[in-house]
N, C-alpha and C. Protein backbone atom coordinates (compact mmCIF):
# COMPACT_ATOMS: atom_id res chain seq x y z
N MET A 1 26.27 -38.63 8.59
CA MET A 1 25.46 -38.27 9.74
C MET A 1 26.40 -37.77 10.85
N ASP A 2 26.01 -36.69 11.50
CA ASP A 2 26.87 -36.11 12.52
C ASP A 2 26.68 -36.82 13.87
N PHE A 3 27.59 -36.53 14.78
CA PHE A 3 27.59 -37.17 16.10
C PHE A 3 26.28 -36.94 16.85
N LEU A 4 25.76 -35.70 16.82
CA LEU A 4 24.54 -35.40 17.56
C LEU A 4 23.38 -36.27 17.10
N ARG A 5 23.21 -36.40 15.81
CA ARG A 5 22.10 -37.22 15.28
C ARG A 5 22.29 -38.69 15.66
N LEU A 6 23.52 -39.18 15.62
CA LEU A 6 23.79 -40.56 16.06
C LEU A 6 23.47 -40.73 17.54
N TYR A 7 23.83 -39.74 18.34
CA TYR A 7 23.55 -39.78 19.77
C TYR A 7 22.04 -39.83 20.03
N LEU A 8 21.30 -38.97 19.34
CA LEU A 8 19.85 -38.94 19.50
C LEU A 8 19.23 -40.27 19.08
N LEU A 9 19.65 -40.78 17.96
CA LEU A 9 19.15 -42.05 17.46
C LEU A 9 19.49 -43.18 18.43
N GLY A 10 20.72 -43.20 18.92
CA GLY A 10 21.14 -44.22 19.88
C GLY A 10 20.30 -44.18 21.14
N GLY A 11 19.98 -42.98 21.63
CA GLY A 11 19.15 -42.85 22.81
C GLY A 11 17.75 -43.39 22.59
N LEU A 12 17.20 -43.12 21.41
CA LEU A 12 15.86 -43.64 21.09
C LEU A 12 15.87 -45.17 21.06
N VAL A 13 16.89 -45.73 20.46
CA VAL A 13 17.00 -47.19 20.38
C VAL A 13 17.18 -47.77 21.79
N PHE A 14 18.02 -47.15 22.60
CA PHE A 14 18.22 -47.59 23.98
C PHE A 14 16.91 -47.57 24.76
N HIS A 15 16.17 -46.46 24.65
CA HIS A 15 14.87 -46.31 25.33
C HIS A 15 13.94 -47.44 24.93
N LYS A 16 13.81 -47.69 23.64
CA LYS A 16 12.91 -48.73 23.14
C LYS A 16 13.36 -50.12 23.63
N LEU A 17 14.66 -50.37 23.60
CA LEU A 17 15.17 -51.67 24.06
C LEU A 17 14.87 -51.90 25.54
N VAL A 18 15.04 -50.88 26.36
CA VAL A 18 14.74 -51.02 27.79
C VAL A 18 13.29 -51.43 27.97
N TRP A 19 12.39 -50.74 27.26
CA TRP A 19 10.96 -51.07 27.40
C TRP A 19 10.66 -52.48 26.91
N GLU A 20 11.19 -52.84 25.76
CA GLU A 20 10.89 -54.16 25.20
C GLU A 20 11.44 -55.28 26.08
N ILE A 21 12.65 -55.11 26.59
CA ILE A 21 13.24 -56.14 27.45
C ILE A 21 12.48 -56.24 28.76
N MET A 22 12.14 -55.10 29.35
CA MET A 22 11.50 -55.12 30.66
C MET A 22 10.03 -55.52 30.61
N LYS A 23 9.39 -55.40 29.46
CA LYS A 23 7.98 -55.77 29.42
C LYS A 23 7.76 -57.23 29.06
N ARG A 24 8.82 -57.96 28.81
CA ARG A 24 8.68 -59.39 28.55
C ARG A 24 7.98 -60.06 29.72
N GLY A 25 7.01 -60.87 29.40
CA GLY A 25 6.26 -61.57 30.43
C GLY A 25 5.07 -60.79 30.94
N SER A 26 4.93 -59.53 30.52
CA SER A 26 3.76 -58.74 30.93
C SER A 26 2.54 -59.24 30.18
N ALA A 27 1.39 -58.96 30.74
CA ALA A 27 0.14 -59.34 30.08
C ALA A 27 0.02 -58.60 28.76
N ALA A 28 -0.56 -59.27 27.78
CA ALA A 28 -0.77 -58.65 26.48
C ALA A 28 -1.80 -57.53 26.62
N PRO A 29 -1.62 -56.44 25.87
CA PRO A 29 -2.59 -55.35 25.95
C PRO A 29 -3.93 -55.78 25.38
N PRO A 30 -5.02 -55.13 25.79
CA PRO A 30 -6.33 -55.49 25.27
C PRO A 30 -6.41 -55.29 23.76
N ARG A 31 -7.38 -55.95 23.13
CA ARG A 31 -7.52 -55.90 21.68
C ARG A 31 -7.65 -54.49 21.14
N GLY A 32 -8.39 -53.63 21.82
CA GLY A 32 -8.59 -52.26 21.36
C GLY A 32 -7.33 -51.43 21.38
N ALA A 33 -6.28 -51.97 21.95
CA ALA A 33 -5.03 -51.23 22.09
C ALA A 33 -4.18 -51.29 20.83
N VAL A 34 -4.57 -52.07 19.85
CA VAL A 34 -3.78 -52.20 18.63
C VAL A 34 -3.60 -50.86 17.95
N ALA A 35 -4.66 -50.08 17.86
CA ALA A 35 -4.58 -48.77 17.22
C ALA A 35 -3.59 -47.86 17.94
N ALA A 36 -3.63 -47.88 19.27
CA ALA A 36 -2.71 -47.05 20.04
C ALA A 36 -1.26 -47.49 19.80
N ARG A 37 -1.04 -48.78 19.72
CA ARG A 37 0.32 -49.28 19.44
C ARG A 37 0.80 -48.85 18.06
N VAL A 38 -0.08 -48.92 17.08
CA VAL A 38 0.28 -48.52 15.72
C VAL A 38 0.64 -47.04 15.69
N VAL A 39 -0.14 -46.21 16.38
CA VAL A 39 0.14 -44.78 16.43
C VAL A 39 1.49 -44.53 17.10
N LYS A 40 1.75 -45.20 18.23
CA LYS A 40 3.02 -45.03 18.92
C LYS A 40 4.20 -45.45 18.04
N LEU A 41 4.06 -46.56 17.35
CA LEU A 41 5.14 -47.02 16.46
C LEU A 41 5.33 -46.08 15.27
N ALA A 42 4.24 -45.53 14.75
CA ALA A 42 4.34 -44.58 13.64
C ALA A 42 5.06 -43.31 14.08
N ILE A 43 4.75 -42.83 15.28
CA ILE A 43 5.43 -41.65 15.80
C ILE A 43 6.91 -41.94 16.00
N LEU A 44 7.22 -43.09 16.58
CA LEU A 44 8.62 -43.46 16.77
C LEU A 44 9.35 -43.55 15.44
N ALA A 45 8.72 -44.18 14.45
CA ALA A 45 9.34 -44.29 13.12
C ALA A 45 9.58 -42.90 12.53
N GLY A 46 8.60 -42.00 12.68
CA GLY A 46 8.76 -40.64 12.17
C GLY A 46 9.91 -39.91 12.83
N ILE A 47 10.04 -40.08 14.14
CA ILE A 47 11.13 -39.43 14.87
C ILE A 47 12.47 -40.01 14.44
N ILE A 48 12.53 -41.31 14.24
CA ILE A 48 13.78 -41.93 13.78
C ILE A 48 14.16 -41.40 12.41
N VAL A 49 13.21 -41.33 11.51
CA VAL A 49 13.48 -40.77 10.17
C VAL A 49 13.96 -39.34 10.30
N GLN A 50 13.33 -38.57 11.19
CA GLN A 50 13.72 -37.17 11.36
C GLN A 50 15.18 -37.04 11.80
N THR A 51 15.67 -38.00 12.59
CA THR A 51 17.07 -37.92 13.03
C THR A 51 18.03 -38.24 11.88
N LEU A 52 17.52 -38.86 10.83
CA LEU A 52 18.38 -39.29 9.72
C LEU A 52 18.43 -38.30 8.57
N ILE A 53 17.57 -37.31 8.57
CA ILE A 53 17.50 -36.37 7.44
C ILE A 53 17.88 -34.97 7.90
N PRO A 54 18.14 -34.06 6.94
CA PRO A 54 18.46 -32.67 7.32
C PRO A 54 17.31 -32.03 8.11
N ASP A 55 17.61 -30.89 8.71
CA ASP A 55 16.64 -30.19 9.55
C ASP A 55 15.28 -30.06 8.87
N VAL A 56 14.23 -30.39 9.64
CA VAL A 56 12.86 -30.27 9.18
C VAL A 56 12.26 -29.04 9.86
N LEU A 57 11.76 -28.10 9.09
CA LEU A 57 11.18 -26.86 9.62
C LEU A 57 12.13 -26.20 10.62
N PRO A 58 13.33 -25.80 10.16
CA PRO A 58 14.33 -25.26 11.09
C PRO A 58 13.87 -24.01 11.83
N ILE A 59 14.27 -23.93 13.09
CA ILE A 59 13.96 -22.79 13.95
C ILE A 59 14.96 -21.66 13.69
N ALA A 60 16.24 -22.00 13.67
CA ALA A 60 17.29 -20.99 13.60
C ALA A 60 18.29 -21.32 12.49
N ALA A 61 18.88 -20.27 11.92
CA ALA A 61 19.91 -20.46 10.88
C ALA A 61 21.22 -20.92 11.51
N GLY A 62 21.53 -20.43 12.69
CA GLY A 62 22.74 -20.82 13.42
C GLY A 62 22.34 -21.48 14.73
N PRO A 63 22.02 -22.76 14.71
CA PRO A 63 21.38 -23.40 15.86
C PRO A 63 22.31 -24.04 16.89
N ALA A 64 23.58 -23.69 16.94
CA ALA A 64 24.52 -24.38 17.83
C ALA A 64 24.05 -24.38 19.29
N ALA A 65 23.68 -23.22 19.82
CA ALA A 65 23.25 -23.15 21.22
C ALA A 65 21.95 -23.94 21.42
N LEU A 66 21.05 -23.85 20.46
CA LEU A 66 19.78 -24.58 20.53
C LEU A 66 20.03 -26.09 20.55
N ARG A 67 20.97 -26.54 19.73
CA ARG A 67 21.29 -27.96 19.68
C ARG A 67 21.89 -28.45 21.00
N VAL A 68 22.77 -27.65 21.60
CA VAL A 68 23.37 -28.02 22.88
C VAL A 68 22.30 -28.08 23.96
N MET A 69 21.47 -27.04 24.04
CA MET A 69 20.39 -27.02 25.04
C MET A 69 19.45 -28.21 24.82
N GLY A 70 19.12 -28.49 23.58
CA GLY A 70 18.26 -29.63 23.27
C GLY A 70 18.88 -30.95 23.69
N ALA A 71 20.18 -31.11 23.43
CA ALA A 71 20.86 -32.35 23.79
C ALA A 71 20.88 -32.55 25.31
N VAL A 72 21.04 -31.47 26.06
CA VAL A 72 21.04 -31.56 27.53
C VAL A 72 19.65 -31.96 28.02
N ILE A 73 18.60 -31.32 27.51
CA ILE A 73 17.22 -31.65 27.90
C ILE A 73 16.90 -33.09 27.50
N TYR A 74 17.30 -33.48 26.30
CA TYR A 74 17.08 -34.85 25.80
C TYR A 74 17.73 -35.87 26.74
N THR A 75 18.97 -35.62 27.09
CA THR A 75 19.71 -36.54 27.95
C THR A 75 19.05 -36.66 29.33
N ALA A 76 18.65 -35.53 29.89
CA ALA A 76 17.98 -35.56 31.19
C ALA A 76 16.65 -36.32 31.09
N GLY A 77 15.90 -36.08 30.03
CA GLY A 77 14.63 -36.77 29.84
C GLY A 77 14.82 -38.26 29.66
N LEU A 78 15.80 -38.64 28.85
CA LEU A 78 16.08 -40.06 28.63
C LEU A 78 16.48 -40.73 29.94
N ALA A 79 17.35 -40.09 30.68
CA ALA A 79 17.80 -40.66 31.96
C ALA A 79 16.63 -40.80 32.94
N LEU A 80 15.77 -39.80 33.01
CA LEU A 80 14.64 -39.85 33.93
C LEU A 80 13.65 -40.94 33.53
N ALA A 81 13.30 -41.01 32.25
CA ALA A 81 12.33 -42.01 31.80
C ALA A 81 12.86 -43.43 32.02
N VAL A 82 14.09 -43.68 31.65
CA VAL A 82 14.65 -45.03 31.80
C VAL A 82 14.82 -45.38 33.28
N THR A 83 15.29 -44.43 34.08
CA THR A 83 15.42 -44.68 35.52
C THR A 83 14.06 -44.99 36.13
N GLY A 84 13.05 -44.21 35.76
CA GLY A 84 11.70 -44.45 36.26
C GLY A 84 11.20 -45.83 35.89
N ARG A 85 11.45 -46.23 34.65
CA ARG A 85 10.99 -47.54 34.18
C ARG A 85 11.70 -48.66 34.94
N VAL A 86 13.00 -48.54 35.10
CA VAL A 86 13.77 -49.57 35.80
C VAL A 86 13.33 -49.65 37.26
N GLN A 87 13.16 -48.51 37.92
CA GLN A 87 12.77 -48.52 39.32
C GLN A 87 11.34 -49.01 39.53
N LEU A 88 10.49 -48.84 38.54
CA LEU A 88 9.12 -49.34 38.65
C LEU A 88 9.10 -50.86 38.52
N GLY A 89 10.02 -51.41 37.75
CA GLY A 89 10.16 -52.86 37.63
C GLY A 89 8.87 -53.56 37.26
N GLY A 90 8.53 -54.59 38.01
CA GLY A 90 7.35 -55.40 37.74
C GLY A 90 6.04 -54.72 38.10
N ASN A 91 6.09 -53.51 38.62
CA ASN A 91 4.88 -52.76 38.94
C ASN A 91 4.37 -51.96 37.75
N TRP A 92 5.06 -52.05 36.64
CA TRP A 92 4.69 -51.30 35.43
C TRP A 92 3.68 -52.08 34.61
N SER A 93 2.73 -51.36 34.04
CA SER A 93 1.85 -51.98 33.04
C SER A 93 1.77 -51.03 31.86
N ASP A 94 1.65 -51.61 30.69
CA ASP A 94 1.60 -50.83 29.46
C ASP A 94 0.42 -49.87 29.50
N ILE A 95 0.61 -48.70 28.92
CA ILE A 95 -0.42 -47.67 28.96
C ILE A 95 -1.75 -48.16 28.37
N GLU A 96 -1.67 -49.03 27.38
CA GLU A 96 -2.89 -49.56 26.76
C GLU A 96 -3.63 -50.53 27.67
N ALA A 97 -2.92 -51.13 28.59
CA ALA A 97 -3.52 -52.13 29.47
C ALA A 97 -3.65 -51.60 30.89
N ALA A 98 -3.76 -50.29 31.03
CA ALA A 98 -3.75 -49.67 32.35
C ALA A 98 -4.68 -50.40 33.32
N GLY A 99 -4.09 -50.77 34.41
CA GLY A 99 -4.83 -51.47 35.46
C GLY A 99 -3.87 -51.81 36.58
N VAL A 100 -4.41 -52.27 37.67
CA VAL A 100 -3.58 -52.66 38.80
C VAL A 100 -3.24 -54.13 38.65
N LEU A 101 -1.96 -54.42 38.76
CA LEU A 101 -1.48 -55.79 38.64
C LEU A 101 -1.76 -56.56 39.93
N THR A 102 -1.75 -57.86 39.85
CA THR A 102 -2.07 -58.71 41.00
C THR A 102 -1.22 -58.41 42.23
N ASN A 103 0.07 -58.34 42.08
CA ASN A 103 0.97 -58.12 43.22
C ASN A 103 1.57 -56.72 43.23
N GLN A 104 0.90 -55.78 42.62
CA GLN A 104 1.44 -54.43 42.51
C GLN A 104 1.49 -53.73 43.86
N VAL A 105 2.57 -52.96 44.04
CA VAL A 105 2.73 -52.15 45.25
C VAL A 105 3.10 -50.73 44.83
N VAL A 106 2.93 -49.80 45.73
CA VAL A 106 3.33 -48.42 45.47
C VAL A 106 4.85 -48.35 45.56
N VAL A 107 5.48 -47.84 44.52
CA VAL A 107 6.94 -47.65 44.51
C VAL A 107 7.20 -46.23 44.99
N GLU A 108 7.91 -46.11 46.11
CA GLU A 108 8.14 -44.81 46.73
C GLU A 108 9.62 -44.47 46.87
N SER A 109 10.48 -45.25 46.26
CA SER A 109 11.91 -44.98 46.38
C SER A 109 12.45 -44.48 45.05
N GLY A 110 13.72 -44.07 45.07
CA GLY A 110 14.34 -43.56 43.86
C GLY A 110 13.65 -42.29 43.38
N VAL A 111 13.46 -42.15 42.09
CA VAL A 111 12.81 -40.94 41.56
C VAL A 111 11.36 -40.86 41.99
N TYR A 112 10.75 -42.01 42.30
CA TYR A 112 9.36 -42.03 42.74
C TYR A 112 9.19 -41.43 44.14
N ARG A 113 10.28 -41.20 44.82
CA ARG A 113 10.21 -40.52 46.11
C ARG A 113 9.82 -39.05 45.92
N TYR A 114 10.11 -38.52 44.73
CA TYR A 114 9.89 -37.10 44.45
C TYR A 114 8.74 -36.83 43.48
N ILE A 115 8.58 -37.69 42.48
CA ILE A 115 7.51 -37.48 41.51
C ILE A 115 6.81 -38.80 41.18
N ARG A 116 5.52 -38.67 40.86
CA ARG A 116 4.70 -39.85 40.59
C ARG A 116 4.81 -40.33 39.15
N HIS A 117 5.20 -39.47 38.24
CA HIS A 117 5.21 -39.84 36.82
C HIS A 117 6.54 -39.51 36.13
N PRO A 118 7.64 -40.11 36.59
CA PRO A 118 8.92 -39.80 35.95
C PRO A 118 9.01 -40.28 34.50
N ILE A 119 8.29 -41.32 34.16
CA ILE A 119 8.35 -41.79 32.77
C ILE A 119 7.68 -40.78 31.85
N TYR A 120 6.49 -40.31 32.22
CA TYR A 120 5.83 -39.30 31.40
C TYR A 120 6.66 -38.02 31.32
N THR A 121 7.17 -37.57 32.46
CA THR A 121 7.98 -36.36 32.50
C THR A 121 9.23 -36.54 31.65
N GLY A 122 9.89 -37.67 31.82
CA GLY A 122 11.11 -37.93 31.06
C GLY A 122 10.85 -38.03 29.57
N ASP A 123 9.78 -38.70 29.19
CA ASP A 123 9.48 -38.83 27.76
C ASP A 123 9.16 -37.48 27.12
N LEU A 124 8.42 -36.64 27.84
CA LEU A 124 8.14 -35.31 27.29
C LEU A 124 9.42 -34.49 27.17
N ALA A 125 10.28 -34.54 28.18
CA ALA A 125 11.56 -33.83 28.11
C ALA A 125 12.43 -34.38 26.99
N LEU A 126 12.44 -35.70 26.84
CA LEU A 126 13.20 -36.34 25.76
C LEU A 126 12.74 -35.80 24.41
N LEU A 127 11.44 -35.77 24.18
CA LEU A 127 10.92 -35.28 22.90
C LEU A 127 11.20 -33.80 22.71
N LEU A 128 11.02 -33.01 23.76
CA LEU A 128 11.31 -31.58 23.68
C LEU A 128 12.77 -31.36 23.31
N GLY A 129 13.66 -32.03 24.04
CA GLY A 129 15.08 -31.90 23.77
C GLY A 129 15.47 -32.37 22.38
N LEU A 130 14.88 -33.47 21.95
CA LEU A 130 15.18 -34.01 20.63
C LEU A 130 14.84 -33.00 19.54
N GLU A 131 13.64 -32.43 19.62
CA GLU A 131 13.22 -31.48 18.59
C GLU A 131 14.05 -30.20 18.63
N LEU A 132 14.44 -29.76 19.82
CA LEU A 132 15.33 -28.60 19.91
C LEU A 132 16.70 -28.93 19.34
N ALA A 133 17.22 -30.10 19.69
CA ALA A 133 18.52 -30.51 19.17
C ALA A 133 18.51 -30.66 17.65
N LEU A 134 17.36 -31.02 17.11
CA LEU A 134 17.22 -31.14 15.65
C LEU A 134 16.81 -29.81 15.02
N ASN A 135 16.74 -28.76 15.84
CA ASN A 135 16.44 -27.42 15.33
C ASN A 135 15.13 -27.39 14.55
N SER A 136 14.09 -27.98 15.14
CA SER A 136 12.84 -28.13 14.40
C SER A 136 11.65 -27.50 15.11
N TRP A 137 10.83 -26.83 14.33
CA TRP A 137 9.58 -26.29 14.85
C TRP A 137 8.61 -27.40 15.23
N LEU A 138 8.94 -28.63 14.90
CA LEU A 138 8.11 -29.75 15.34
C LEU A 138 8.10 -29.85 16.87
N VAL A 139 8.95 -29.07 17.52
CA VAL A 139 8.95 -28.99 18.98
C VAL A 139 7.56 -28.57 19.47
N LEU A 140 6.81 -27.87 18.66
CA LEU A 140 5.46 -27.47 19.05
C LEU A 140 4.54 -28.69 19.22
N GLY A 141 4.88 -29.79 18.58
CA GLY A 141 4.13 -31.02 18.77
C GLY A 141 4.17 -31.50 20.22
N VAL A 142 5.28 -31.24 20.90
CA VAL A 142 5.41 -31.61 22.31
C VAL A 142 4.42 -30.79 23.14
N VAL A 143 4.25 -29.53 22.76
CA VAL A 143 3.27 -28.68 23.45
C VAL A 143 1.87 -29.26 23.28
N LEU A 144 1.57 -29.74 22.08
CA LEU A 144 0.26 -30.34 21.82
C LEU A 144 0.09 -31.68 22.54
N LEU A 145 1.17 -32.40 22.71
CA LEU A 145 1.14 -33.71 23.36
C LEU A 145 1.00 -33.61 24.88
N THR A 146 1.49 -32.54 25.45
CA THR A 146 1.51 -32.40 26.91
C THR A 146 0.12 -32.55 27.56
N PRO A 147 -0.94 -31.89 27.06
CA PRO A 147 -2.25 -32.09 27.70
C PRO A 147 -2.74 -33.54 27.62
N VAL A 148 -2.38 -34.24 26.56
CA VAL A 148 -2.76 -35.64 26.43
C VAL A 148 -2.08 -36.47 27.52
N VAL A 149 -0.82 -36.19 27.75
CA VAL A 149 -0.06 -36.91 28.79
C VAL A 149 -0.61 -36.57 30.17
N ILE A 150 -0.91 -35.31 30.40
CA ILE A 150 -1.47 -34.91 31.70
C ILE A 150 -2.81 -35.62 31.93
N ARG A 151 -3.65 -35.65 30.91
CA ARG A 151 -4.95 -36.33 31.03
C ARG A 151 -4.76 -37.81 31.36
N GLN A 152 -3.82 -38.45 30.71
CA GLN A 152 -3.55 -39.86 30.97
C GLN A 152 -3.05 -40.06 32.40
N ALA A 153 -2.16 -39.19 32.86
CA ALA A 153 -1.64 -39.30 34.23
C ALA A 153 -2.77 -39.14 35.24
N LEU A 154 -3.66 -38.18 35.02
CA LEU A 154 -4.79 -37.98 35.93
C LEU A 154 -5.72 -39.19 35.93
N LYS A 155 -5.94 -39.75 34.77
CA LYS A 155 -6.79 -40.95 34.66
C LYS A 155 -6.17 -42.11 35.44
N GLU A 156 -4.88 -42.32 35.28
CA GLU A 156 -4.19 -43.38 36.01
C GLU A 156 -4.25 -43.14 37.51
N GLU A 157 -4.05 -41.90 37.92
CA GLU A 157 -4.09 -41.59 39.35
C GLU A 157 -5.46 -41.88 39.95
N ARG A 158 -6.53 -41.52 39.25
CA ARG A 158 -7.88 -41.81 39.75
C ARG A 158 -8.07 -43.31 39.95
N MET A 159 -7.62 -44.08 38.98
CA MET A 159 -7.74 -45.54 39.06
C MET A 159 -6.89 -46.09 40.22
N LEU A 160 -5.66 -45.63 40.34
CA LEU A 160 -4.77 -46.13 41.38
C LEU A 160 -5.22 -45.73 42.78
N ARG A 161 -5.78 -44.55 42.92
CA ARG A 161 -6.27 -44.10 44.23
C ARG A 161 -7.36 -45.04 44.77
N THR A 162 -8.17 -45.56 43.87
CA THR A 162 -9.27 -46.42 44.30
C THR A 162 -8.89 -47.90 44.33
N SER A 163 -7.83 -48.28 43.62
CA SER A 163 -7.52 -49.70 43.47
C SER A 163 -6.23 -50.17 44.11
N LEU A 164 -5.35 -49.26 44.48
CA LEU A 164 -4.03 -49.66 44.99
C LEU A 164 -3.84 -49.10 46.40
N ALA A 165 -3.73 -50.00 47.35
CA ALA A 165 -3.56 -49.61 48.75
C ALA A 165 -2.33 -48.72 48.91
N GLY A 166 -2.52 -47.60 49.60
CA GLY A 166 -1.42 -46.70 49.90
C GLY A 166 -1.16 -45.63 48.85
N TYR A 167 -1.81 -45.72 47.68
CA TYR A 167 -1.52 -44.76 46.62
C TYR A 167 -2.02 -43.35 46.97
N ALA A 168 -3.18 -43.24 47.57
CA ALA A 168 -3.72 -41.92 47.93
C ALA A 168 -2.77 -41.20 48.89
N ALA A 169 -2.26 -41.91 49.87
CA ALA A 169 -1.32 -41.31 50.82
C ALA A 169 -0.02 -40.93 50.11
N TYR A 170 0.43 -41.78 49.22
CA TYR A 170 1.64 -41.48 48.43
C TYR A 170 1.47 -40.17 47.66
N CYS A 171 0.31 -39.94 47.12
CA CYS A 171 0.04 -38.72 46.36
C CYS A 171 0.18 -37.46 47.21
N THR A 172 -0.09 -37.58 48.49
CA THR A 172 0.04 -36.41 49.37
C THR A 172 1.50 -36.07 49.66
N ARG A 173 2.39 -37.03 49.45
CA ARG A 173 3.81 -36.83 49.76
C ARG A 173 4.66 -36.48 48.54
N THR A 174 4.10 -36.59 47.35
CA THR A 174 4.90 -36.39 46.14
C THR A 174 4.22 -35.40 45.19
N ARG A 175 4.99 -34.92 44.26
CA ARG A 175 4.47 -34.06 43.19
C ARG A 175 4.21 -34.94 41.98
N ARG A 176 3.39 -34.45 41.10
CA ARG A 176 2.99 -35.25 39.94
C ARG A 176 4.11 -35.35 38.90
N PHE A 177 4.68 -34.20 38.50
CA PHE A 177 5.64 -34.20 37.39
C PHE A 177 7.01 -33.60 37.71
N LEU A 178 7.04 -32.56 38.50
CA LEU A 178 8.32 -31.86 38.80
C LEU A 178 8.53 -31.81 40.30
N PRO A 179 9.66 -32.30 40.79
CA PRO A 179 9.90 -32.30 42.23
C PRO A 179 9.74 -30.90 42.82
N PHE A 180 9.06 -30.83 43.92
CA PHE A 180 8.88 -29.61 44.70
C PHE A 180 8.04 -28.53 44.01
N LEU A 181 7.57 -28.77 42.76
CA LEU A 181 6.85 -27.74 42.02
C LEU A 181 5.46 -28.16 41.58
N LEU A 182 5.39 -29.18 40.75
CA LEU A 182 4.14 -29.52 40.06
C LEU A 182 3.82 -30.99 40.18
């Protein structure tokens, strides 16, 4: 296995470890969330397998530049998602259990000073970069996943605007996904 694939795999493991360690003590997700968890784990397992095997549906015959660009996007996405998760701290709730926590507050510092959804943005960038680095047309799956993520972000924002003091005002000061743009 080459260095790039080990790097990608290591980043995925690091990402998962951060989430598992930080969610200890969180409320268990609702019963209906089991299917969503199974799907998420199946996708993660598929991505891990993909990092261990030769190129799947290769984009280019000579993919060196594509791999470098993918690794850069992957690294930025990983850093953004993990930073967002760490800065959110105890204000985070699992996507399956979306709701306002008892002592939840609006986090407005760090990356949250600029964007409301750094974890979603980072995870999409991570996946985009990973598929480019692996020289795979499966990168189109990220395009298909993006509207699902946007819909989830909008759903969360509607809930937070009505349930979390100060969130509506926070939304007027920040962008949803990309600082200064979107």
